[in-house]
Protein backbone atom coordinates (compact mmCIF):
# COMPACT_ATOMS: atom_id res chain seq x y z
CA MET A 1 -16.89 -0.87 -15.24
CA ARG A 2 -15.29 0.43 -12.04
CA PHE A 3 -13.72 -1.49 -9.18
CA ARG A 4 -13.36 -0.43 -5.54
CA THR A 5 -9.67 -1.44 -5.68
CA GLU A 6 -8.77 1.14 -8.35
CA LYS A 7 -7.36 3.66 -5.84
CA ILE A 8 -5.08 1.08 -4.23
CA MET A 9 -1.55 0.77 -5.60
CA PRO A 10 -0.65 -2.45 -7.42
CA PRO A 11 1.87 -4.81 -5.76
CA PRO A 12 5.20 -2.97 -6.26
CA ILE A 13 7.48 -6.02 -6.11
CA VAL A 14 5.45 -7.82 -8.77
CA LYS A 15 5.60 -4.82 -11.10
CA LEU A 16 9.33 -4.32 -10.62
CA ILE A 17 10.19 -7.98 -11.19
CA GLU A 18 8.13 -7.90 -14.39
CA GLU A 19 10.21 -4.95 -15.54
CA ALA A 20 13.41 -6.69 -14.45
CA ARG A 21 12.68 -9.66 -16.67
CA ARG A 22 12.43 -7.38 -19.68
CA PHE A 23 15.87 -5.87 -19.12
CA ILE A 24 18.10 -8.76 -18.22
CA GLY A 25 19.02 -12.38 -18.75
CA ALA A 26 18.12 -14.67 -15.85
CA SER A 27 21.65 -16.04 -15.48
CA GLU A 28 23.10 -12.63 -14.60
CA PHE A 29 20.18 -11.31 -12.59
CA LEU A 30 20.75 -10.60 -8.89
CA ASN A 31 17.52 -10.18 -6.95
CA LEU A 32 17.91 -8.04 -3.84
CA GLY A 33 14.31 -6.96 -4.11
CA GLN A 34 12.05 -9.61 -2.64
CA GLY A 35 12.22 -10.43 1.06
CA LEU A 36 13.15 -14.09 0.89
CA PRO A 37 15.31 -16.33 3.08
CA GLY A 38 18.25 -18.16 1.55
CA HIS A 39 17.54 -21.50 3.21
CA ILE A 40 14.88 -24.17 2.85
CA PRO A 41 13.22 -26.16 5.65
CA PRO A 42 15.50 -28.61 7.50
CA THR A 43 16.05 -31.91 5.72
CA ILE A 44 15.08 -33.94 8.79
CA SER A 45 11.75 -32.09 8.94
CA LEU A 46 11.08 -32.59 5.23
CA GLN A 47 11.71 -36.30 5.70
CA GLY A 48 9.23 -36.37 8.57
CA LEU A 49 6.67 -34.59 6.40
CA GLN A 50 7.14 -37.18 3.64
CA GLU A 51 6.11 -39.90 6.06
CA ARG A 52 3.05 -37.92 7.18
CA LEU A 53 1.93 -37.30 3.60
CA THR A 54 1.18 -40.99 3.11
CA HIS A 55 -1.73 -40.70 5.57
CA PRO A 56 -5.12 -39.75 4.04
CA SER A 57 -5.67 -37.01 6.67
CA ALA A 58 -2.76 -35.03 5.19
CA HIS A 59 -4.94 -34.31 2.17
CA LEU A 60 -8.06 -33.12 3.99
CA TYR A 61 -9.12 -29.88 5.65
CA THR A 62 -7.91 -29.33 9.17
CA PRO A 63 -10.05 -27.51 11.74
CA ASP A 64 -10.41 -23.84 10.83
CA LYS A 65 -8.09 -22.85 13.67
CA GLY A 66 -5.42 -25.28 12.50
CA LEU A 67 -4.24 -28.66 13.72
CA LEU A 68 -4.50 -28.82 17.49
CA GLU A 69 -1.16 -30.63 17.72
CA LEU A 70 0.49 -27.78 15.81
CA ARG A 71 -1.20 -25.14 17.96
CA GLU A 72 -0.08 -26.88 21.14
CA GLU A 73 3.51 -27.20 19.92
CA LEU A 74 3.47 -23.61 18.67
CA ALA A 75 2.14 -22.34 22.01
CA LEU A 76 5.18 -23.89 23.72
CA TYR A 77 7.48 -22.30 21.13
CA ILE A 78 5.85 -18.88 21.62
CA ARG A 79 6.30 -19.17 25.38
CA GLN A 80 9.99 -20.05 24.98
CA GLN A 81 10.80 -17.52 22.25
CA LEU A 82 8.52 -14.59 23.10
CA ASN A 83 7.63 -15.07 26.78
CA ASN A 84 3.96 -15.17 25.80
CA TYR A 85 1.50 -17.53 27.44
CA VAL A 86 -1.07 -18.45 24.81
CA ASN A 87 -4.04 -20.78 25.13
CA PRO A 88 -3.71 -22.96 22.00
CA GLU A 89 -7.44 -23.66 21.89
CA THR A 90 -8.82 -20.12 22.25
CA GLU A 91 -6.03 -17.56 21.61
CA LEU A 92 -4.07 -19.01 18.68
CA MET A 93 -4.95 -19.63 15.05
CA ILE A 94 -2.93 -20.89 12.09
CA THR A 95 -3.23 -18.73 8.95
CA ALA A 96 -2.17 -18.96 5.31
CA GLY A 97 0.79 -16.66 5.88
CA GLY A 98 1.36 -13.32 7.61
CA ASN A 99 -0.32 -11.27 4.88
CA ASN A 100 -3.42 -13.45 5.13
CA ALA A 101 -3.38 -12.93 8.89
CA PHE A 102 -3.28 -9.14 8.60
CA ALA A 103 -5.98 -9.05 5.93
CA GLY A 104 -8.19 -11.09 8.26
CA ILE A 105 -7.46 -8.72 11.14
CA ALA A 106 -8.44 -5.76 8.95
CA LEU A 107 -11.73 -7.42 8.00
CA THR A 108 -12.45 -8.26 11.64
CA LEU A 109 -11.55 -4.93 13.26
CA PHE A 110 -12.11 -2.02 10.92
CA GLU A 111 -15.29 -0.25 9.93
CA PRO A 112 -15.07 2.03 6.87
CA GLY A 113 -13.52 5.34 7.89
CA GLN A 114 -11.72 4.02 10.94
CA THR A 115 -7.99 4.61 11.22
CA VAL A 116 -4.85 2.65 12.02
CA ILE A 117 -1.70 4.52 13.05
CA MET A 118 1.58 3.09 11.81
CA PRO A 119 5.19 4.28 11.81
CA SER A 120 6.54 5.15 8.39
CA PRO A 121 8.34 3.82 6.35
CA PHE A 122 5.84 0.96 6.45
CA TYR A 123 5.22 -2.48 5.00
CA PHE A 124 3.08 -1.68 1.95
CA ASN A 125 0.86 -4.81 1.96
CA SER A 126 -0.54 -3.79 5.33
CA VAL A 127 -1.56 -0.38 4.02
CA MET A 128 -3.19 -2.06 1.02
CA ALA A 129 -5.22 -4.32 3.33
CA ILE A 130 -6.51 -1.43 5.43
CA ARG A 131 -7.55 0.52 2.35
CA LEU A 132 -9.24 -2.54 0.84
CA VAL A 133 -11.68 -2.60 3.78
CA GLY A 134 -12.29 1.15 3.57
CA GLY A 135 -10.05 2.10 6.48
CA ASN A 136 -7.57 4.94 6.69
CA VAL A 137 -3.88 4.98 7.59
CA LYS A 138 -2.09 7.71 9.54
CA MET A 139 1.61 7.48 8.83
CA ILE A 140 3.89 8.75 11.59
CA PRO A 141 7.56 9.30 10.70
CA VAL A 142 10.20 7.44 12.69
CA ASP A 143 13.30 9.13 14.12
CA GLU A 144 16.78 9.08 12.62
CA THR A 145 17.44 5.58 14.03
CA PHE A 146 14.13 4.31 12.58
CA GLN A 147 12.52 4.05 16.05
CA PRO A 148 8.85 5.07 16.51
CA ASP A 149 8.10 8.19 18.53
CA PRO A 150 5.36 7.55 21.14
CA ASP A 151 4.67 11.29 21.49
CA LEU A 152 3.94 11.70 17.77
CA ILE A 153 1.74 8.61 17.87
CA GLU A 154 -0.18 9.97 20.86
CA ALA A 155 -0.79 13.26 19.06
CA ALA A 156 -2.24 11.33 16.09
CA ILE A 157 -4.91 9.50 18.11
CA ASP A 158 -8.46 10.74 17.60
CA ASP A 159 -12.02 9.39 17.83
CA ARG A 160 -11.61 7.46 14.55
CA THR A 161 -8.50 5.59 15.68
CA ARG A 162 -9.05 1.85 16.07
CA ALA A 163 -5.52 0.44 16.32
CA ILE A 164 -1.78 1.10 16.26
CA PHE A 165 0.32 -1.16 14.07
CA LEU A 166 3.98 -1.98 14.75
CA VAL A 167 6.38 -4.18 12.77
CA SER A 168 9.46 -5.16 14.78
CA PRO A 169 12.03 -6.22 13.75
CA ASN A 170 11.03 -3.90 10.97
CA ASN A 171 10.51 -4.25 7.26
CA PRO A 172 11.93 -2.21 5.47
CA THR A 173 14.36 -0.59 7.94
CA GLY A 174 15.59 -3.55 9.98
CA ALA A 175 15.06 -1.63 13.24
CA VAL A 176 14.41 -3.64 16.40
CA TYR A 177 12.04 -1.47 18.42
CA GLU A 178 13.15 -0.57 21.94
CA LYS A 179 11.11 -2.08 24.76
CA GLU A 180 10.60 1.28 26.47
CA ARG A 181 9.07 2.80 23.33
CA VAL A 182 6.84 -0.21 22.67
CA ASP A 183 5.60 -0.11 26.27
CA LYS A 184 4.74 3.58 25.96
CA ILE A 185 2.79 2.86 22.79
CA LEU A 186 1.07 -0.05 24.50
CA ASP A 187 0.11 2.25 27.38
CA LEU A 188 -1.54 4.55 24.84
CA CYS A 189 -3.60 1.60 23.62
CA LEU A 190 -4.73 0.81 27.15
CA GLU A 191 -5.61 4.42 27.90
CA ASN A 192 -7.56 4.90 24.67
CA GLU A 193 -9.17 1.43 24.32
CA LEU A 194 -7.23 0.64 21.15
CA TYR A 195 -5.71 -2.53 19.79
CA LEU A 196 -1.97 -2.85 19.27
CA ILE A 197 -1.32 -5.04 16.22
CA SER A 198 2.21 -6.40 16.49
CA ASP A 199 3.73 -7.95 13.35
CA GLU A 200 6.50 -10.24 14.60
CA THR A 201 7.36 -11.97 11.33
CA TYR A 202 11.08 -11.36 11.91
CA ALA A 203 11.09 -12.08 15.67
CA ARG A 204 14.04 -14.49 15.44
CA MET A 205 16.07 -12.05 13.34
CA ALA A 206 17.28 -9.75 16.11
CA PHE A 207 21.08 -9.59 16.06
CA GLU A 208 24.09 -7.88 17.63
CA GLY A 209 22.87 -8.42 21.18
CA SER A 210 19.43 -6.95 20.55
CA MET A 211 16.28 -8.68 21.76
CA HIS A 212 12.86 -8.69 20.16
CA TYR A 213 10.21 -7.56 22.65
CA SER A 214 6.72 -8.95 22.14
CA PRO A 215 4.14 -6.59 23.69
CA ARG A 216 1.69 -9.43 24.37
CA SER A 217 4.15 -10.73 26.96
CA ARG A 218 2.80 -7.96 29.22
CA ARG A 219 0.07 -9.68 31.15
CA ASP A 220 -1.92 -6.49 31.88
CA ALA A 221 -2.22 -5.77 28.15
CA GLN A 222 -3.02 -9.14 26.60
CA ASN A 223 -6.62 -8.17 25.84
CA HIS A 224 -5.37 -5.24 23.73
CA VAL A 225 -2.64 -6.97 21.68
CA ILE A 226 -2.95 -9.04 18.50
CA THR A 227 0.25 -10.57 17.20
CA ILE A 228 1.13 -11.82 13.73
CA GLY A 229 3.73 -14.53 13.25
CA SER A 230 5.07 -16.24 10.17
CA PHE A 231 7.08 -19.32 9.28
CA SER A 232 8.16 -17.83 5.95
CA LYS A 233 11.44 -16.20 6.91
CA ASP A 234 13.03 -18.13 9.76
CA PHE A 235 11.72 -21.60 8.85
CA GLY A 236 12.42 -21.11 5.12
CA MET A 237 8.75 -21.68 4.26
CA SER A 238 7.81 -18.62 2.21
CA GLY A 239 6.26 -20.70 -0.58
CA TRP A 240 4.27 -22.85 1.84
CA ARG A 241 2.09 -19.87 2.92
CA ILE A 242 1.70 -20.42 6.63
CA GLY A 243 1.66 -18.12 9.64
CA TYR A 244 -0.38 -17.51 12.76
CA ILE A 245 -2.07 -14.95 14.95
CA THR A 246 -2.58 -14.72 18.68
CA GLY A 247 -5.13 -12.50 20.36
CA PRO A 248 -7.77 -12.18 23.06
CA GLU A 249 -10.48 -14.82 23.04
CA ASP A 250 -13.34 -12.50 22.06
CA PHE A 251 -11.39 -11.21 19.06
CA MET A 252 -10.40 -14.71 17.99
CA GLU A 253 -14.04 -15.83 18.01
CA GLU A 254 -14.83 -13.08 15.52
CA TYR A 255 -11.71 -13.69 13.48
CA LEU A 256 -12.78 -17.30 13.01
CA LYS A 257 -15.67 -16.08 10.84
CA VAL A 258 -13.21 -14.37 8.52
CA GLN A 259 -10.87 -17.36 8.49
CA ASP A 260 -13.66 -19.71 7.45
CA THR A 261 -14.85 -17.30 4.76
CA MET A 262 -11.44 -16.57 3.21
CA THR A 263 -9.45 -19.79 3.50
CA ILE A 264 -11.28 -22.33 5.72
CA CYS A 265 -7.87 -23.39 7.00
CA ALA A 266 -4.21 -23.02 6.20
CA PRO A 267 -2.86 -25.67 3.78
CA THR A 268 -2.65 -29.00 5.58
CA PRO A 269 0.81 -30.05 4.27
CA SER A 270 2.18 -26.66 5.33
CA GLN A 271 0.83 -27.14 8.83
CA LEU A 272 2.40 -30.59 9.00
CA LEU A 273 5.79 -29.27 7.91
CA ALA A 274 5.67 -26.44 10.46
CA LEU A 275 4.88 -29.03 13.11
CA GLU A 276 7.82 -31.19 12.02
CA ILE A 277 10.19 -28.21 12.21
CA LEU A 278 8.99 -27.33 15.70
CA LYS A 279 9.60 -30.92 16.76
CA THR A 280 12.82 -31.76 14.94
CA GLY A 281 14.34 -28.78 13.15
CA LEU A 282 14.92 -25.90 15.56
CA ASP A 283 18.65 -26.56 15.93
CA VAL A 284 18.98 -26.24 12.16
CA ILE A 285 17.00 -22.98 12.24
CA ASP A 286 19.38 -21.61 14.89
CA SER A 287 22.28 -22.37 12.54
CA GLU A 288 20.51 -20.64 9.66
CA MET A 289 20.05 -17.52 11.77
CA GLU A 290 23.80 -17.49 12.41
CA GLY A 291 24.25 -17.54 8.64
CA VAL A 292 21.98 -14.50 8.28
CA ALA A 293 24.02 -12.69 10.95
CA ASN A 294 27.21 -13.37 8.98
CA LEU A 295 25.65 -12.10 5.76
CA ARG A 296 24.66 -8.89 7.55
CA GLU A 297 28.23 -8.35 8.74
CA LEU A 298 29.56 -8.75 5.22
CA ALA A 299 26.93 -6.47 3.71
CA TYR A 300 27.50 -3.68 6.23
CA LEU A 301 31.25 -3.96 5.71
CA ARG A 302 30.90 -3.68 1.93
CA ALA A 303 28.36 -0.85 2.22
CA LYS A 304 31.07 1.39 3.69
CA GLU A 305 32.64 1.50 0.23
CA ILE A 306 29.71 3.48 -1.20
CA ASP A 307 30.26 7.14 -0.36
CA GLN A 308 26.86 8.24 -1.67
CA TRP A 309 25.00 6.25 0.99
CA ASP A 310 23.98 7.42 4.45
CA LEU A 311 23.36 4.07 6.10
CA THR A 312 21.94 3.65 9.59
CA ARG A 313 23.05 0.30 10.96
CA THR A 314 20.07 -1.48 12.45
CA LYS A 315 20.04 -4.78 14.33
CA GLY A 316 17.29 -6.85 12.75
CA THR A 317 16.19 -8.71 9.61
CA PHE A 318 18.19 -9.16 6.41
CA TYR A 319 17.37 -5.70 5.01
CA LEU A 320 19.56 -2.64 4.54
CA PHE A 321 17.81 0.69 3.97
CA PRO A 322 20.40 3.28 2.91
CA LYS A 323 19.52 6.86 2.04
CA VAL A 324 21.07 7.87 -1.26
CA ARG A 325 22.39 11.42 -1.22
CA GLY A 326 20.71 13.62 -3.78
CA CYS A 327 18.07 11.05 -4.70
CA LYS A 328 14.67 12.64 -5.34
CA ASP A 329 13.08 9.76 -7.25
CA SER A 330 14.04 6.36 -5.87
CA ARG A 331 11.95 4.48 -8.42
CA LYS A 332 13.86 6.10 -11.28
CA LEU A 333 17.13 5.33 -9.50
CA VAL A 334 16.21 1.67 -9.02
CA LEU A 335 15.35 1.26 -12.69
CA ASP A 336 18.66 2.86 -13.66
CA ILE A 337 20.56 0.52 -11.31
CA LEU A 338 18.68 -2.42 -12.80
CA ARG A 339 19.50 -1.46 -16.38
CA GLY A 340 23.12 -0.67 -15.56
CA THR A 341 24.01 -3.55 -13.26
CA LYS A 342 21.34 -6.25 -13.72
CA THR A 343 20.68 -6.01 -10.00
CA LEU A 344 17.24 -5.39 -8.52
CA VAL A 345 16.74 -3.39 -5.33
CA LEU A 346 13.51 -1.75 -4.21
CA PRO A 347 12.77 1.99 -4.20
CA GLY A 348 12.14 3.41 -0.75
CA SER A 349 9.10 5.26 -2.09
CA VAL A 350 7.02 2.06 -2.16
CA PHE A 351 7.28 2.07 1.65
CA GLY A 352 5.67 5.50 1.92
CA GLU A 353 6.74 9.11 1.58
CA ALA A 354 9.20 8.76 4.46
CA GLY A 355 11.05 6.14 2.41
CA GLU A 356 11.66 8.36 -0.59
CA GLY A 357 15.36 8.85 -1.23
CA HIS A 358 16.15 5.41 0.20
CA ILE A 359 16.55 2.01 -1.41
CA ARG A 360 15.94 -1.37 0.24
CA LEU A 361 18.34 -4.25 -0.22
CA SER A 362 17.32 -7.77 0.77
CA ILE A 363 20.38 -9.98 1.27
CA GLY A 364 18.40 -12.90 2.72
CA PRO A 365 18.48 -15.19 -0.34
CA LEU A 366 22.13 -14.51 -1.22
CA THR A 367 25.31 -16.47 -0.64
CA PRO A 368 28.36 -14.58 0.66
CA GLU A 369 29.74 -14.72 -2.89
CA ALA A 370 26.53 -13.19 -4.26
CA VAL A 371 26.64 -10.44 -1.60
CA ASP A 372 30.17 -9.57 -2.73
CA GLU A 373 29.10 -9.61 -6.39
CA ALA A 374 26.11 -7.37 -5.64
CA PHE A 375 28.25 -4.83 -3.82
CA ASP A 376 30.92 -4.96 -6.54
CA ARG A 377 28.20 -3.92 -8.98
CA LEU A 378 26.65 -1.30 -6.73
CA THR A 379 30.00 0.22 -5.73
CA LYS A 380 30.97 0.54 -9.38
CA TYR A 381 27.58 1.99 -10.31
CA PHE A 382 27.64 4.73 -7.67
CA ALA A 383 31.31 5.55 -8.32
CA THR A 384 30.47 6.00 -11.99
CA ASN A 385 27.28 7.97 -11.38
CA SER A 386 28.39 10.22 -8.51
């Protein structure tokens, strides 16, 4: 019996972690593979949630769009953080995570055979979602600083193009896209009646004086921009599976059909915790972001010790994406690193052809001591295998 998913690659992180467990003992394993934060939700917010959980409503469905109180509080947060004015009743919906949000967007927007253009390297789950609905992906290489090229994107637009997809700050490269480039891409969407899908999961993780620019903050373009947000990374809620989307009212009306079909609503306790963090925990989140910035400084300092790496320093996220000189098969390299050092990193090839020869390191869940240990192992490995 055949399945329509057979031509879609299996989840690469799941497969690699399964292999990692075969090679190593858990006590010595260092996981720099999965994109996880190293903090949990603020204690004060967890305490507030505990009080809310005693009420019967905490164990029921919420409205499909999410709790109105959460949407109203989130709309204020979006205005303060992203300079976006969002109507919490008609332009904002709570989802069961960022991946769920994008899958819903794909089901709402794309007819079989239609195309989304995305810079490459790319976030692989998004490509999987487009292909699941029968859509196509045009991958456009980024420049040497991992910035998208508006001219290459313009040349890729044709009569099958439905949307352009940007992830900034970017996974896997860490690049924070420049406002001028994003505006040029947004202009292309206006000129060609396309949607710009903006994944802003890492919006608070722009460092070193950089600023995340949210294209929906441009008032003339709000009807062409759909944004994806997540509480997984900055709020330490990856296991709670909660995110959100914002978009024009007519799109959101159609998206609601998908939301009701797939999930009905995001988990109620997760919505309540997100609400508590917005009300009581943002100062703690600011402190956690400072911790991520310090981890980045340490990682980039230690990375200088590895001569075989060509590493572009980017200004966002907790990822490093070095190119390994002479590497033709990053998956083989990653497995060899795993067997030799009991340290998991991801092969750049899972992020598309443009990622081949690179590896991705996620330092988000590590302590400074674990970052040092990881780079001790990696420095020794590459010195031995140069």
